[in-house]
Amino acid sequence: MDRFKNLSGIVYCLSKNECVEVSNFLNSKCKIKTVYYHAGLAAKQRVAVQKKWHTEEVHVVCATIAFGMGYDRPDVVSPH
């Protein structure tokens, strides 16, 4: 985990439930500042998540695949 310390990223999940579960796991077990993002959130909640991520209040967003469209963060880690 130290390899990615102080970097940002997106964990893509296949379902809304998985987004919540992975985010909760990373927060509680790994102590990584994480939020979840999916279409089931109200528009106001989605905007709040995006703001927290862009302002680096959180380091990781656990999201369904629609989230990554058009983000512009040079510090986001890619597994490739």
N, C-alpha and C. Protein backbone atom coordinates (compact mmCIF):
# COMPACT_ATOMS: atom_id res chain seq x y z
N MET A 1 0.80 -1.20 0.00
CA MET A 1 0.00 0.00 0.00
C MET A 1 0.84 1.27 0.00
N ASP A 2 2.04 1.22 0.54
CA ASP A 2 2.89 2.41 0.57
C ASP A 2 3.24 2.89 -0.84
N ARG A 3 3.21 1.97 -1.78
CA ARG A 3 3.54 2.32 -3.17
C ARG A 3 2.65 3.44 -3.70
N PHE A 4 1.40 3.50 -3.25
CA PHE A 4 0.45 4.49 -3.74
C PHE A 4 0.11 5.56 -2.71
N LYS A 5 0.89 5.64 -1.64
CA LYS A 5 0.63 6.62 -0.58
C LYS A 5 0.60 8.04 -1.15
N ASN A 6 -0.42 8.80 -0.73
CA ASN A 6 -0.62 10.19 -1.13
C ASN A 6 -0.94 10.37 -2.61
N LEU A 7 -1.34 9.31 -3.30
CA LEU A 7 -1.78 9.42 -4.68
C LEU A 7 -3.29 9.24 -4.74
N SER A 8 -3.88 9.61 -5.85
CA SER A 8 -5.31 9.47 -6.03
C SER A 8 -5.61 8.37 -7.04
N GLY A 9 -6.82 7.83 -6.94
CA GLY A 9 -7.20 6.79 -7.88
C GLY A 9 -8.68 6.55 -7.89
N ILE A 10 -9.06 5.72 -8.85
CA ILE A 10 -10.46 5.29 -8.98
C ILE A 10 -10.46 3.77 -8.95
N VAL A 11 -11.32 3.21 -8.13
CA VAL A 11 -11.53 1.77 -8.12
C VAL A 11 -12.85 1.53 -8.82
N TYR A 12 -12.79 0.88 -9.97
CA TYR A 12 -14.03 0.62 -10.72
C TYR A 12 -14.69 -0.65 -10.22
N CYS A 13 -15.98 -0.54 -9.98
CA CYS A 13 -16.78 -1.65 -9.47
C CYS A 13 -17.88 -1.98 -10.46
N LEU A 14 -18.39 -3.20 -10.38
CA LEU A 14 -19.39 -3.64 -11.35
C LEU A 14 -20.83 -3.36 -10.92
N SER A 15 -21.01 -2.98 -9.65
CA SER A 15 -22.37 -2.69 -9.18
C SER A 15 -22.36 -1.58 -8.14
N LYS A 16 -23.52 -1.01 -7.91
CA LYS A 16 -23.63 0.03 -6.89
C LYS A 16 -23.29 -0.53 -5.52
N ASN A 17 -23.79 -1.72 -5.22
CA ASN A 17 -23.50 -2.34 -3.92
C ASN A 17 -22.01 -2.58 -3.74
N GLU A 18 -21.35 -3.02 -4.78
CA GLU A 18 -19.91 -3.26 -4.69
C GLU A 18 -19.16 -1.95 -4.42
N CYS A 19 -19.60 -0.86 -5.01
CA CYS A 19 -18.98 0.45 -4.75
C CYS A 19 -19.02 0.77 -3.25
N VAL A 20 -20.17 0.58 -2.65
CA VAL A 20 -20.34 0.87 -1.22
C VAL A 20 -19.47 -0.06 -0.39
N GLU A 21 -19.50 -1.34 -0.70
CA GLU A 21 -18.74 -2.34 0.08
C GLU A 21 -17.24 -2.09 -0.01
N VAL A 22 -16.73 -1.84 -1.20
CA VAL A 22 -15.29 -1.63 -1.37
C VAL A 22 -14.88 -0.33 -0.67
N SER A 23 -15.67 0.72 -0.82
CA SER A 23 -15.37 1.98 -0.16
C SER A 23 -15.33 1.81 1.36
N ASN A 24 -16.32 1.13 1.91
CA ASN A 24 -16.35 0.90 3.36
C ASN A 24 -15.15 0.08 3.82
N PHE A 25 -14.76 -0.92 3.04
CA PHE A 25 -13.60 -1.74 3.38
C PHE A 25 -12.32 -0.91 3.38
N LEU A 26 -12.12 -0.12 2.33
CA LEU A 26 -10.90 0.69 2.24
C LEU A 26 -10.83 1.72 3.37
N ASN A 27 -11.98 2.30 3.72
CA ASN A 27 -12.01 3.27 4.82
C ASN A 27 -11.71 2.61 6.16
N SER A 28 -12.38 1.51 6.44
CA SER A 28 -12.28 0.92 7.77
C SER A 28 -11.05 0.05 7.97
N LYS A 29 -10.72 -0.77 7.01
CA LYS A 29 -9.62 -1.73 7.17
C LYS A 29 -8.27 -1.19 6.70
N CYS A 30 -8.29 -0.35 5.68
CA CYS A 30 -7.02 0.12 5.09
C CYS A 30 -6.73 1.58 5.45
N LYS A 31 -7.69 2.25 6.06
CA LYS A 31 -7.53 3.66 6.46
C LYS A 31 -7.20 4.56 5.27
N ILE A 32 -7.84 4.29 4.14
CA ILE A 32 -7.69 5.11 2.94
C ILE A 32 -8.94 5.98 2.82
N LYS A 33 -8.76 7.27 2.65
CA LYS A 33 -9.90 8.19 2.52
C LYS A 33 -10.60 7.92 1.19
N THR A 34 -11.78 7.33 1.29
CA THR A 34 -12.50 6.83 0.12
C THR A 34 -13.98 7.21 0.18
N VAL A 35 -14.55 7.47 -0.98
CA VAL A 35 -15.99 7.67 -1.10
C VAL A 35 -16.48 6.81 -2.26
N TYR A 36 -17.79 6.60 -2.32
CA TYR A 36 -18.35 5.85 -3.43
C TYR A 36 -19.22 6.74 -4.30
N TYR A 37 -19.36 6.33 -5.56
CA TYR A 37 -20.07 7.12 -6.54
C TYR A 37 -20.79 6.18 -7.50
N HIS A 38 -22.09 6.39 -7.65
CA HIS A 38 -22.86 5.59 -8.61
C HIS A 38 -24.15 6.31 -8.95
N ALA A 39 -24.85 5.81 -9.94
CA ALA A 39 -26.06 6.47 -10.44
C ALA A 39 -27.19 6.50 -9.43
N GLY A 40 -27.12 5.70 -8.38
CA GLY A 40 -28.17 5.69 -7.38
C GLY A 40 -28.11 6.87 -6.42
N LEU A 41 -27.04 7.65 -6.48
CA LEU A 41 -26.92 8.82 -5.62
C LEU A 41 -27.71 9.98 -6.21
N ALA A 42 -28.22 10.83 -5.35
CA ALA A 42 -28.88 12.05 -5.81
C ALA A 42 -27.84 12.95 -6.47
N ALA A 43 -28.28 13.81 -7.37
CA ALA A 43 -27.36 14.70 -8.08
C ALA A 43 -26.50 15.51 -7.11
N LYS A 44 -27.08 15.98 -6.04
CA LYS A 44 -26.34 16.77 -5.05
C LYS A 44 -25.23 15.93 -4.41
N GLN A 45 -25.52 14.68 -4.14
CA GLN A 45 -24.51 13.78 -3.56
C GLN A 45 -23.38 13.52 -4.54
N ARG A 46 -23.72 13.32 -5.81
CA ARG A 46 -22.69 13.07 -6.81
C ARG A 46 -21.75 14.27 -6.95
N VAL A 47 -22.32 15.46 -6.94
CA VAL A 47 -21.51 16.68 -7.02
C VAL A 47 -20.60 16.78 -5.80
N ALA A 48 -21.12 16.45 -4.63
CA ALA A 48 -20.31 16.50 -3.40
C ALA A 48 -19.14 15.52 -3.46
N VAL A 49 -19.38 14.32 -3.98
CA VAL A 49 -18.31 13.33 -4.12
C VAL A 49 -17.24 13.85 -5.08
N GLN A 50 -17.66 14.37 -6.22
CA GLN A 50 -16.71 14.90 -7.19
C GLN A 50 -15.87 16.02 -6.60
N LYS A 51 -16.51 16.90 -5.84
CA LYS A 51 -15.80 18.02 -5.22
C LYS A 51 -14.77 17.51 -4.21
N LYS A 52 -15.16 16.54 -3.37
CA LYS A 52 -14.23 15.98 -2.39
C LYS A 52 -13.02 15.36 -3.06
N TRP A 53 -13.25 14.72 -4.19
CA TRP A 53 -12.15 14.07 -4.90
C TRP A 53 -11.25 15.10 -5.59
N HIS A 54 -11.85 16.09 -6.24
CA HIS A 54 -11.07 17.11 -6.94
C HIS A 54 -10.28 18.00 -5.98
N THR A 55 -10.79 18.21 -4.78
CA THR A 55 -10.08 19.03 -3.79
C THR A 55 -9.17 18.19 -2.90
N GLU A 56 -9.07 16.90 -3.20
CA GLU A 56 -8.20 15.95 -2.50
C GLU A 56 -8.58 15.74 -1.03
N GLU A 57 -9.85 15.98 -0.71
CA GLU A 57 -10.36 15.64 0.62
C GLU A 57 -10.40 14.11 0.78
N VAL A 58 -10.63 13.42 -0.32
CA VAL A 58 -10.54 11.96 -0.36
C VAL A 58 -9.55 11.58 -1.46
N HIS A 59 -8.94 10.40 -1.32
CA HIS A 59 -7.93 9.98 -2.28
C HIS A 59 -8.45 8.99 -3.32
N VAL A 60 -9.50 8.27 -2.98
CA VAL A 60 -10.00 7.23 -3.86
C VAL A 60 -11.52 7.32 -3.99
N VAL A 61 -12.00 7.13 -5.20
CA VAL A 61 -13.43 7.02 -5.45
C VAL A 61 -13.69 5.59 -5.93
N CYS A 62 -14.60 4.92 -5.26
CA CYS A 62 -15.07 3.60 -5.71
C CYS A 62 -16.32 3.86 -6.52
N ALA A 63 -16.25 3.58 -7.80
CA ALA A 63 -17.32 4.02 -8.69
C ALA A 63 -17.66 2.97 -9.73
N THR A 64 -18.88 3.07 -10.22
CA THR A 64 -19.24 2.29 -11.39
C THR A 64 -18.53 2.94 -12.58
N ILE A 65 -18.47 2.25 -13.69
CA ILE A 65 -17.62 2.69 -14.79
C ILE A 65 -17.97 4.05 -15.38
N ALA A 66 -19.16 4.57 -15.16
CA ALA A 66 -19.54 5.86 -15.73
C ALA A 66 -18.77 7.02 -15.11
N PHE A 67 -18.20 6.87 -13.91
CA PHE A 67 -17.55 7.99 -13.23
C PHE A 67 -16.33 8.51 -13.96
N GLY A 68 -15.53 7.66 -14.53
CA GLY A 68 -14.25 8.06 -15.09
C GLY A 68 -14.33 8.87 -16.37
N MET A 69 -15.48 9.04 -16.91
CA MET A 69 -15.61 9.75 -18.17
C MET A 69 -15.28 11.23 -17.98
N GLY A 70 -14.16 11.65 -18.51
CA GLY A 70 -13.83 13.07 -18.54
C GLY A 70 -13.14 13.63 -17.31
N TYR A 71 -12.62 12.81 -16.41
CA TYR A 71 -11.91 13.40 -15.27
C TYR A 71 -10.57 13.93 -15.76
N ASP A 72 -10.09 14.95 -15.08
CA ASP A 72 -8.83 15.56 -15.48
C ASP A 72 -7.97 15.76 -14.24
N ARG A 73 -7.27 14.71 -13.86
CA ARG A 73 -6.41 14.74 -12.68
C ARG A 73 -5.07 14.11 -13.05
N PRO A 74 -4.01 14.89 -13.12
CA PRO A 74 -2.72 14.32 -13.50
C PRO A 74 -2.13 13.36 -12.49
N ASP A 75 -2.64 13.39 -11.25
CA ASP A 75 -2.07 12.53 -10.20
C ASP A 75 -2.81 11.23 -10.02
N VAL A 76 -3.77 10.91 -10.88
CA VAL A 76 -4.53 9.69 -10.75
C VAL A 76 -3.68 8.51 -11.22
N VAL A 77 -3.64 7.48 -10.40
CA VAL A 77 -2.82 6.32 -10.67
C VAL A 77 -3.54 5.38 -11.63
N SER A 78 -2.80 4.91 -12.62
CA SER A 78 -3.31 3.91 -13.54
C SER A 78 -2.56 2.62 -13.31
N PRO A 79 -3.26 1.48 -13.30
CA PRO A 79 -2.59 0.22 -13.06
C PRO A 79 -1.73 -0.22 -14.24
N HIS A 80 -1.78 0.46 -15.34
CA HIS A 80 -1.03 0.05 -16.55
C HIS A 80 0.31 0.72 -16.61
